[in-house]
Amino acid sequence: MIFYPVYSGHWCFQLFTSCAVIASVITTGPPQCSASETQRTSTPSAKTPKSNMAEGNTGQAEPSRSVVYSSTGAEAETPAICEQARTEPSVSGHGDLWSGQQIRNPLARAMYQKLKEDERNKNDKHVYWYRVVVSRLPEDVQNLFLQFEQDEGTDDFLQNCQDKSDQLFTQILYSVARPILNIFMTQTSINGFLNRGSMFIFSKNQFEKLLGFSAYYKGENLLDLGAGDGMVTLKMASYFRNTYTTEMSGMMVRRLTGHGFKVLEVDEWHKSGLQYDLIACLNLLDRCDKPLSLLADMRASLTPGVGRVLVAVVIPFKPYVEFGSRTHEPTEYLHVRGSNFEEQVEHFVRIFRQSGFEVERFTRLPYLCEGDLKHSFYVLTDAIFVLRAIDSQS
């Protein structure tokens, strides 16, 4: 009832006018554009602040995460909004370019541009999402790199994103509801309330290769810190008998309990006396107030001998504390420097060693999020590390 006016009056007229314009463009072809028109680049967005990619595994990212590095060549890496910029192919049949800017209606123009973007992504394996210039790394770190590529699990997530993004009325409803809910909710809680913005970090096959698990592996305890809506947790949970989670957002806690996961208090999980075969800390180090203390608590909570920590961090690293901080600045800083992915990975390896961990392997994967009317999905760059505790004597 509260959103009924959105679908009445001139909104309804605008909506159906937009669909008619798009149908006309698709069936009759775009108008001729002038030779002076500039080429348009594709920018399937980077989540705006972790306003959407907010706490841990879920959301969309905030302004501090709006720029990522995407490789454009074997030795080149340039800042870009989301994925690598590419020129729009000719669609007029006469060698000239048409970007859809001639469509005056903003909604129709956005939908047309998303349609062309979806066509490009469907035929793109996004190799630059996974590219690492290994020669930039120290020799002892080079040997730890595990190469991945876009697999079937990633394809399925991207297709699901496109299907959801094409649900026009649902996306309009989200667009109207978000600014209203933002008055009294964080972006993470909004996503939990609307059941949107699910994340993808790795497929089950990639998870098995990272940890060295077989499909039949069964560990004892899993802990996923900042688990969000639990969709990433579900991929890991099948390999463990017990799954524990933490989460700051009350709305996301409801999602987690709905999956049947045990939710521990954010400030008490390391005091429970439990030991874990795997602790997942996915895109949380740049969102928590005390990352160094968190690393120490994780190390102390591992099952001796078999315990591992799975860490994901967005590169470039830009801390932003969403909960419990007026300035959004962390109390403890991780001093990560570097102008490209490889340099920042090297700094993280040093930080982990200083915190009592050894890096067993690392990789580069896309951090994907469900999109909206403008883009089917959003993407950032993740560095994924598998850590084990170093014996205190060594």
Protein backbone atom coordinates (compact mmCIF):
# COMPACT_ATOMS: atom_id res chain seq x y z
CA MET A 1 0.00 0.00 0.00
CA ILE A 2 2.71 2.44 0.87
CA PHE A 3 4.25 2.21 -2.63
CA TYR A 4 1.01 2.23 -4.64
CA PRO A 5 1.38 5.83 -5.90
CA VAL A 6 4.62 4.86 -7.62
CA TYR A 7 2.70 2.86 -10.18
CA SER A 8 0.02 5.45 -10.91
CA GLY A 9 -0.20 8.67 -12.89
CA HIS A 10 2.75 9.82 -14.96
CA TRP A 11 5.02 7.07 -13.55
CA CYS A 12 2.94 4.43 -15.31
CA PHE A 13 2.95 6.45 -18.52
CA GLN A 14 6.72 6.95 -18.34
CA LEU A 15 7.28 3.25 -17.74
CA PHE A 16 5.29 2.02 -20.72
CA THR A 17 6.65 4.81 -22.91
CA SER A 18 10.15 3.65 -22.02
CA CYS A 19 9.36 0.03 -22.95
CA ALA A 20 7.90 1.19 -26.26
CA VAL A 21 11.02 3.20 -27.05
CA ILE A 22 13.28 0.25 -26.32
CA ALA A 23 11.12 -2.09 -28.41
CA SER A 24 11.29 0.40 -31.26
CA VAL A 25 15.08 0.62 -31.01
CA ILE A 26 15.49 -3.16 -31.02
CA THR A 27 13.13 -3.76 -33.97
CA THR A 28 14.03 -0.85 -36.25
CA GLY A 29 17.66 -0.19 -35.29
CA PRO A 30 19.18 2.93 -33.76
CA PRO A 31 19.21 6.28 -35.56
CA GLN A 32 22.31 7.45 -37.36
CA CYS A 33 24.78 9.18 -35.06
CA SER A 34 27.13 11.93 -36.09
CA ALA A 35 30.70 11.07 -36.98
CA SER A 36 31.90 13.25 -34.12
CA GLU A 37 30.21 11.21 -31.39
CA THR A 38 32.73 9.85 -28.91
CA GLN A 39 32.98 6.20 -27.96
CA ARG A 40 31.27 5.11 -24.79
CA THR A 41 33.05 2.88 -22.30
CA SER A 42 31.32 0.16 -20.31
CA THR A 43 31.40 0.48 -16.52
CA PRO A 44 29.42 -2.33 -14.85
CA SER A 45 29.74 -0.44 -11.60
CA ALA A 46 31.75 -0.90 -8.51
CA LYS A 47 29.51 -0.91 -5.57
CA THR A 48 29.14 2.46 -4.20
CA PRO A 49 30.24 2.41 -0.55
CA LYS A 50 30.04 -0.59 1.40
CA SER A 51 26.80 1.04 1.82
CA ASN A 52 25.62 -1.97 -0.05
CA MET A 53 28.60 -4.26 0.24
CA ALA A 54 28.62 -3.32 3.81
CA GLU A 55 29.52 -5.68 6.64
CA GLY A 56 31.45 -8.78 5.75
CA ASN A 57 30.03 -10.93 2.96
CA THR A 58 27.00 -8.95 1.87
CA GLY A 59 25.88 -5.63 0.54
CA GLN A 60 27.24 -3.51 -2.31
CA ALA A 61 30.33 -1.40 -1.41
CA GLU A 62 30.61 2.17 -0.23
CA PRO A 63 32.37 5.14 -1.77
CA SER A 64 35.67 4.00 -0.39
CA ARG A 65 35.37 0.83 -2.46
CA SER A 66 34.12 2.50 -5.62
CA VAL A 67 37.43 2.26 -7.49
CA VAL A 68 39.14 -1.00 -8.28
CA TYR A 69 42.18 -1.98 -10.27
CA SER A 70 41.60 -3.97 -13.44
CA SER A 71 44.40 -5.15 -15.67
CA THR A 72 44.37 -4.07 -19.31
CA GLY A 73 47.50 -5.96 -20.28
CA ALA A 74 50.17 -8.31 -18.99
CA GLU A 75 52.09 -5.48 -17.36
CA ALA A 76 49.46 -2.74 -17.13
CA GLU A 77 46.99 -2.04 -14.36
CA THR A 78 44.72 0.97 -14.38
CA PRO A 79 42.05 2.24 -11.98
CA ALA A 80 38.53 1.66 -13.29
CA ILE A 81 34.97 1.82 -12.03
CA CYS A 82 34.31 -1.89 -11.79
CA GLU A 83 35.56 -3.92 -14.68
CA GLN A 84 37.87 -3.17 -17.59
CA ALA A 85 36.57 -0.42 -19.86
CA ARG A 86 35.71 -1.55 -23.37
CA THR A 87 34.47 0.36 -26.38
CA GLU A 88 30.90 -0.09 -27.56
CA PRO A 89 30.75 -2.10 -30.81
CA SER A 90 29.00 -0.68 -33.83
CA VAL A 91 25.28 -1.45 -33.90
CA SER A 92 24.11 0.66 -36.83
CA GLY A 93 25.55 -1.52 -39.58
CA HIS A 94 27.38 1.44 -41.10
CA GLY A 95 30.54 1.37 -38.99
CA ASP A 96 29.51 4.24 -36.74
CA LEU A 97 28.80 3.99 -33.01
CA TRP A 98 25.54 4.50 -31.16
CA SER A 99 25.51 4.62 -27.39
CA GLY A 100 21.82 5.11 -26.71
CA GLN A 101 22.38 8.69 -25.53
CA GLN A 102 19.86 9.86 -28.15
CA ILE A 103 17.08 8.25 -26.10
CA ARG A 104 15.71 11.14 -24.07
CA ASN A 105 13.87 9.14 -21.40
CA PRO A 106 16.43 8.33 -18.63
CA LEU A 107 14.87 4.99 -17.72
CA ALA A 108 14.67 3.85 -21.32
CA ARG A 109 18.27 4.94 -21.95
CA ALA A 110 19.54 3.11 -18.86
CA MET A 111 17.69 -0.06 -19.82
CA TYR A 112 19.03 0.04 -23.37
CA GLN A 113 22.60 0.51 -22.17
CA LYS A 114 22.19 -2.36 -19.68
CA LEU A 115 20.90 -4.57 -22.49
CA LYS A 116 24.04 -3.92 -24.55
CA GLU A 117 26.23 -4.40 -21.48
CA ASP A 118 24.58 -7.77 -20.73
CA GLU A 119 25.25 -8.89 -24.31
CA ARG A 120 28.96 -8.11 -23.93
CA ASN A 121 29.25 -9.81 -20.54
CA LYS A 122 27.53 -12.96 -21.78
CA ASN A 123 30.37 -13.53 -24.27
CA ASP A 124 33.17 -12.41 -21.94
CA LYS A 125 35.12 -14.78 -19.67
CA HIS A 126 36.55 -11.74 -17.77
CA VAL A 127 40.13 -13.03 -17.68
CA TYR A 128 41.27 -9.68 -16.26
CA TRP A 129 39.32 -10.41 -13.05
CA TYR A 130 41.79 -13.20 -12.29
CA ARG A 131 45.05 -11.82 -13.71
CA VAL A 132 48.10 -11.44 -11.48
CA VAL A 133 51.52 -10.31 -12.71
CA VAL A 134 53.43 -12.90 -10.69
CA SER A 135 56.84 -11.48 -11.64
CA ARG A 136 56.10 -8.39 -9.53
CA LEU A 137 56.04 -10.52 -6.36
CA PRO A 138 58.98 -11.78 -4.27
CA GLU A 139 60.04 -15.28 -5.26
CA ASP A 140 58.80 -16.88 -2.04
CA VAL A 141 55.35 -15.34 -2.59
CA GLN A 142 55.20 -16.24 -6.30
CA ASN A 143 55.10 -19.94 -5.42
CA LEU A 144 51.97 -19.41 -3.30
CA PHE A 145 49.78 -18.12 -6.13
CA LEU A 146 46.87 -20.29 -7.32
CA GLN A 147 45.41 -19.36 -10.71
CA PHE A 148 41.64 -19.46 -11.26
CA GLU A 149 39.28 -18.59 -14.09
CA GLN A 150 35.58 -17.96 -14.52
CA ASP A 151 33.91 -21.31 -13.90
CA GLU A 152 30.40 -22.73 -14.05
CA GLY A 153 29.53 -21.53 -10.54
CA THR A 154 30.47 -17.97 -11.46
CA ASP A 155 28.52 -18.20 -14.72
CA ASP A 156 25.42 -19.31 -12.80
CA PHE A 157 25.68 -16.37 -10.39
CA LEU A 158 26.08 -13.85 -13.23
CA GLN A 159 23.07 -15.31 -15.06
CA ASN A 160 21.01 -15.12 -11.87
CA CYS A 161 22.06 -11.48 -11.45
CA GLN A 162 20.86 -10.70 -14.97
CA ASP A 163 17.54 -12.46 -14.39
CA LYS A 164 16.92 -10.48 -11.18
CA SER A 165 18.01 -7.20 -12.75
CA ASP A 166 15.49 -7.73 -15.58
CA GLN A 167 12.59 -7.81 -13.07
CA LEU A 168 11.60 -4.23 -13.84
CA PHE A 169 8.87 -3.58 -11.27
CA THR A 170 10.84 -5.25 -8.47
CA GLN A 171 13.90 -3.11 -9.22
CA ILE A 172 11.79 0.07 -9.26
CA LEU A 173 10.33 -0.93 -5.91
CA TYR A 174 13.86 -1.36 -4.50
CA SER A 175 14.90 2.04 -5.87
CA VAL A 176 11.96 3.76 -4.17
CA ALA A 177 12.27 1.87 -0.88
CA ARG A 178 16.01 2.31 -0.38
CA PRO A 179 16.15 6.10 0.32
CA ILE A 180 13.17 5.81 2.67
CA LEU A 181 14.66 2.93 4.66
CA ASN A 182 18.07 4.62 4.68
CA ILE A 183 16.69 7.20 7.13
CA PHE A 184 16.72 4.67 9.96
CA MET A 185 18.71 1.66 8.65
CA THR A 186 22.26 0.96 7.52
CA GLN A 187 22.69 -0.21 3.95
CA THR A 188 23.47 -3.73 5.12
CA SER A 189 20.22 -3.90 7.08
CA ILE A 190 18.31 -2.51 4.09
CA ASN A 191 19.67 -5.32 1.92
CA GLY A 192 18.65 -7.83 4.57
CA PHE A 193 15.15 -6.33 4.83
CA LEU A 194 14.64 -6.30 1.05
CA ASN A 195 16.40 -9.66 0.55
CA ARG A 196 18.70 -8.25 -2.12
CA GLY A 197 22.39 -7.55 -2.75
CA SER A 198 23.68 -11.11 -2.27
CA MET A 199 27.40 -11.59 -2.79
CA PHE A 200 29.59 -14.07 -4.64
CA ILE A 201 33.24 -14.57 -3.69
CA PHE A 202 34.04 -18.09 -4.86
CA SER A 203 32.33 -21.18 -6.26
CA LYS A 204 32.29 -24.51 -4.41
CA ASN A 205 34.92 -25.86 -6.81
CA GLN A 206 37.20 -22.87 -6.16
CA PHE A 207 36.67 -23.23 -2.41
CA GLU A 208 37.71 -26.91 -2.54
CA LYS A 209 40.90 -26.08 -4.46
CA LEU A 210 41.81 -23.22 -2.11
CA LEU A 211 41.51 -25.37 1.02
CA GLY A 212 42.60 -28.66 -0.55
CA PHE A 213 39.27 -30.29 0.31
CA SER A 214 37.67 -33.19 -1.50
CA ALA A 215 33.93 -33.16 -2.19
CA TYR A 216 33.54 -35.61 0.73
CA TYR A 217 35.62 -33.70 3.31
CA LYS A 218 33.92 -33.25 6.67
CA GLY A 219 35.50 -31.00 9.29
CA GLU A 220 34.18 -30.23 12.75
CA ASN A 221 33.56 -26.48 13.28
CA LEU A 222 33.26 -23.61 10.81
CA LEU A 223 33.06 -19.95 11.89
CA ASP A 224 32.11 -17.27 9.36
CA LEU A 225 32.74 -13.77 10.73
CA GLY A 226 30.52 -11.01 9.34
CA ALA A 227 28.50 -13.61 7.45
CA GLY A 228 25.95 -11.21 5.97
CA ASP A 229 22.93 -12.99 4.47
CA GLY A 230 24.68 -16.37 4.68
CA MET A 231 24.73 -17.15 0.95
CA VAL A 232 28.55 -17.43 0.91
CA THR A 233 28.42 -19.35 4.21
CA LEU A 234 26.17 -21.96 2.59
CA LYS A 235 28.93 -22.89 0.14
CA MET A 236 31.30 -23.65 3.03
CA ALA A 237 28.85 -25.15 5.53
CA SER A 238 28.42 -28.47 3.71
CA TYR A 239 32.05 -29.37 4.51
CA PHE A 240 31.59 -29.04 8.30
CA ARG A 241 29.41 -30.63 10.96
CA ASN A 242 28.76 -27.36 12.82
CA THR A 243 28.49 -23.86 11.39
CA TYR A 244 28.79 -20.73 13.54
CA THR A 245 28.46 -17.11 12.37
CA THR A 246 28.64 -13.53 13.60
CA GLU A 247 26.91 -10.47 12.20
CA MET A 248 26.34 -6.85 13.28
CA SER A 249 23.10 -6.26 11.36
CA GLY A 250 19.93 -7.46 13.08
CA MET A 251 18.22 -7.98 9.72
CA MET A 252 21.07 -10.19 8.52
CA VAL A 253 21.00 -12.16 11.79
CA ARG A 254 17.44 -13.16 10.89
CA ARG A 255 18.67 -14.40 7.51
CA LEU A 256 21.40 -16.45 9.17
CA THR A 257 19.09 -18.08 11.71
CA GLY A 258 16.72 -18.83 8.84
CA HIS A 259 19.51 -20.89 7.26
CA GLY A 260 19.88 -22.81 10.52
CA PHE A 261 23.27 -21.32 11.46
CA LYS A 262 24.25 -20.62 15.08
CA VAL A 263 24.84 -16.88 15.52
CA LEU A 264 27.43 -15.87 18.14
CA GLU A 265 27.81 -12.44 19.73
CA VAL A 266 30.21 -10.23 17.80
CA ASP A 267 32.27 -9.37 20.89
CA GLU A 268 32.06 -12.80 22.57
CA TRP A 269 32.72 -15.47 19.90
CA HIS A 270 36.42 -15.81 20.81
CA LYS A 271 35.55 -16.27 24.50
CA SER A 272 33.24 -19.27 24.01
CA GLY A 273 36.01 -21.87 24.33
CA LEU A 274 35.17 -23.33 20.91
CA GLN A 275 37.94 -24.17 18.46
CA TYR A 276 37.44 -24.02 14.72
CA ASP A 277 38.82 -26.02 11.79
CA LEU A 278 38.16 -23.03 9.55
CA ILE A 279 37.52 -19.36 10.32
CA ALA A 280 36.31 -17.31 7.35
CA CYS A 281 37.04 -13.58 7.48
CA LEU A 282 35.69 -12.45 4.11
CA ASN A 283 35.93 -8.75 3.27
CA LEU A 284 35.85 -7.85 6.95
CA LEU A 285 39.37 -6.60 7.78
CA ASP A 286 38.63 -3.27 6.08
CA ARG A 287 35.24 -3.01 7.79
CA CYS A 288 36.11 -3.76 11.42
CA ASP A 289 37.37 -1.34 14.06
CA LYS A 290 40.30 -3.46 15.31
CA PRO A 291 41.67 -5.69 12.53
CA LEU A 292 44.91 -6.54 14.36
CA SER A 293 42.99 -7.70 17.42
CA LEU A 294 40.71 -9.70 15.14
CA LEU A 295 43.70 -11.50 13.61
CA ALA A 296 45.00 -12.35 17.09
CA ASP A 297 41.60 -13.65 18.22
CA MET A 298 41.28 -15.84 15.12
CA ARG A 299 44.73 -17.31 15.65
CA ALA A 300 43.92 -18.19 19.27
CA SER A 301 40.63 -19.86 18.26
CA LEU A 302 41.97 -22.32 15.66
CA THR A 303 42.00 -26.06 16.21
CA PRO A 304 45.68 -26.91 16.81
CA GLY A 305 47.32 -28.57 13.82
CA VAL A 306 44.39 -28.46 11.41
CA GLY A 307 42.88 -24.98 11.84
CA ARG A 308 42.99 -22.55 8.90
CA VAL A 309 41.87 -18.96 8.35
CA LEU A 310 40.37 -17.92 5.01
CA VAL A 311 40.79 -14.16 4.49
CA ALA A 312 39.41 -12.04 1.64
CA VAL A 313 40.32 -8.36 1.30
CA VAL A 314 39.28 -5.85 -1.32
CA ILE A 315 42.16 -4.35 -3.31
CA PRO A 316 42.86 -1.45 -3.19
CA PHE A 317 42.55 -1.61 0.60
CA LYS A 318 40.49 1.27 2.01
CA PRO A 319 39.19 0.89 5.60
CA TYR A 320 35.63 2.01 6.34
CA VAL A 321 33.93 1.13 9.65
CA GLU A 322 30.17 1.00 9.11
CA PHE A 323 29.00 0.13 12.64
CA GLY A 324 29.87 1.89 15.91
CA SER A 325 32.00 4.72 14.49
CA ARG A 326 30.97 8.29 13.76
CA THR A 327 34.06 8.98 11.68
CA HIS A 328 34.07 5.53 10.00
CA GLU A 329 37.80 5.34 10.79
CA PRO A 330 39.23 2.21 12.47
CA THR A 331 40.91 2.30 15.88
CA GLU A 332 43.66 -0.02 14.61
CA TYR A 333 45.22 0.59 11.21
CA LEU A 334 46.66 -1.92 8.79
CA HIS A 335 49.36 0.01 6.98
CA VAL A 336 48.95 -1.38 3.49
CA ARG A 337 50.77 0.41 0.70
CA GLY A 338 51.20 -0.22 -3.00
CA SER A 339 49.92 1.10 -6.31
CA ASN A 340 48.79 -2.24 -7.73
CA PHE A 341 47.36 -5.59 -6.71
CA GLU A 342 50.71 -7.36 -6.36
CA GLU A 343 52.31 -4.70 -4.15
CA GLN A 344 49.35 -4.69 -1.75
CA VAL A 345 49.35 -8.51 -1.62
CA GLU A 346 53.02 -8.40 -0.61
CA HIS A 347 52.17 -6.01 2.25
CA PHE A 348 49.39 -8.27 3.46
CA VAL A 349 51.72 -11.27 3.48
CA ARG A 350 54.03 -9.29 5.80
CA ILE A 351 51.12 -8.27 8.07
CA PHE A 352 49.93 -11.86 8.36
CA ARG A 353 53.43 -13.07 9.24
CA GLN A 354 53.76 -10.39 11.91
CA SER A 355 50.41 -11.56 13.32
CA GLY A 356 51.63 -15.15 13.65
CA PHE A 357 50.36 -16.63 10.39
CA GLU A 358 51.95 -18.31 7.41
CA VAL A 359 50.32 -17.86 3.99
CA GLU A 360 49.75 -21.29 2.43
CA ARG A 361 48.34 -19.96 -0.84
CA PHE A 362 46.59 -16.94 -2.30
CA THR A 363 44.63 -16.01 -5.40
CA ARG A 364 42.74 -13.19 -7.07
CA LEU A 365 38.96 -13.47 -7.51
CA PRO A 366 36.11 -11.08 -8.36
CA TYR A 367 33.93 -9.91 -5.47
CA LEU A 368 30.51 -9.86 -7.14
CA CYS A 369 27.21 -8.38 -6.01
CA GLU A 370 23.70 -8.51 -7.43
CA GLY A 371 22.89 -5.38 -9.40
CA ASP A 372 19.97 -3.10 -10.19
CA LEU A 373 18.23 -1.42 -13.13
CA LYS A 374 21.45 0.14 -14.35
CA HIS A 375 23.82 -2.84 -14.12
CA SER A 376 23.11 -6.55 -13.69
CA PHE A 377 26.01 -6.93 -11.28
CA TYR A 378 28.76 -4.99 -9.53
CA VAL A 379 32.32 -6.17 -9.05
CA LEU A 380 35.41 -5.41 -6.97
CA THR A 381 38.79 -7.13 -6.80
CA ASP A 382 39.44 -9.57 -3.96
CA ALA A 383 42.72 -11.04 -2.76
CA ILE A 384 42.04 -14.39 -1.06
CA PHE A 385 44.52 -15.85 1.44
CA VAL A 386 44.64 -19.24 3.16
CA LEU A 387 46.48 -18.88 6.49
CA ARG A 388 47.71 -21.29 9.12
CA ALA A 389 49.05 -20.38 12.56
CA ILE A 390 52.83 -20.45 12.98
CA ASP A 391 54.03 -22.37 16.01
CA SER A 392 54.94 -19.86 18.72
CA GLN A 393 58.41 -21.39 19.15
CA SER A 394 59.23 -21.09 15.45
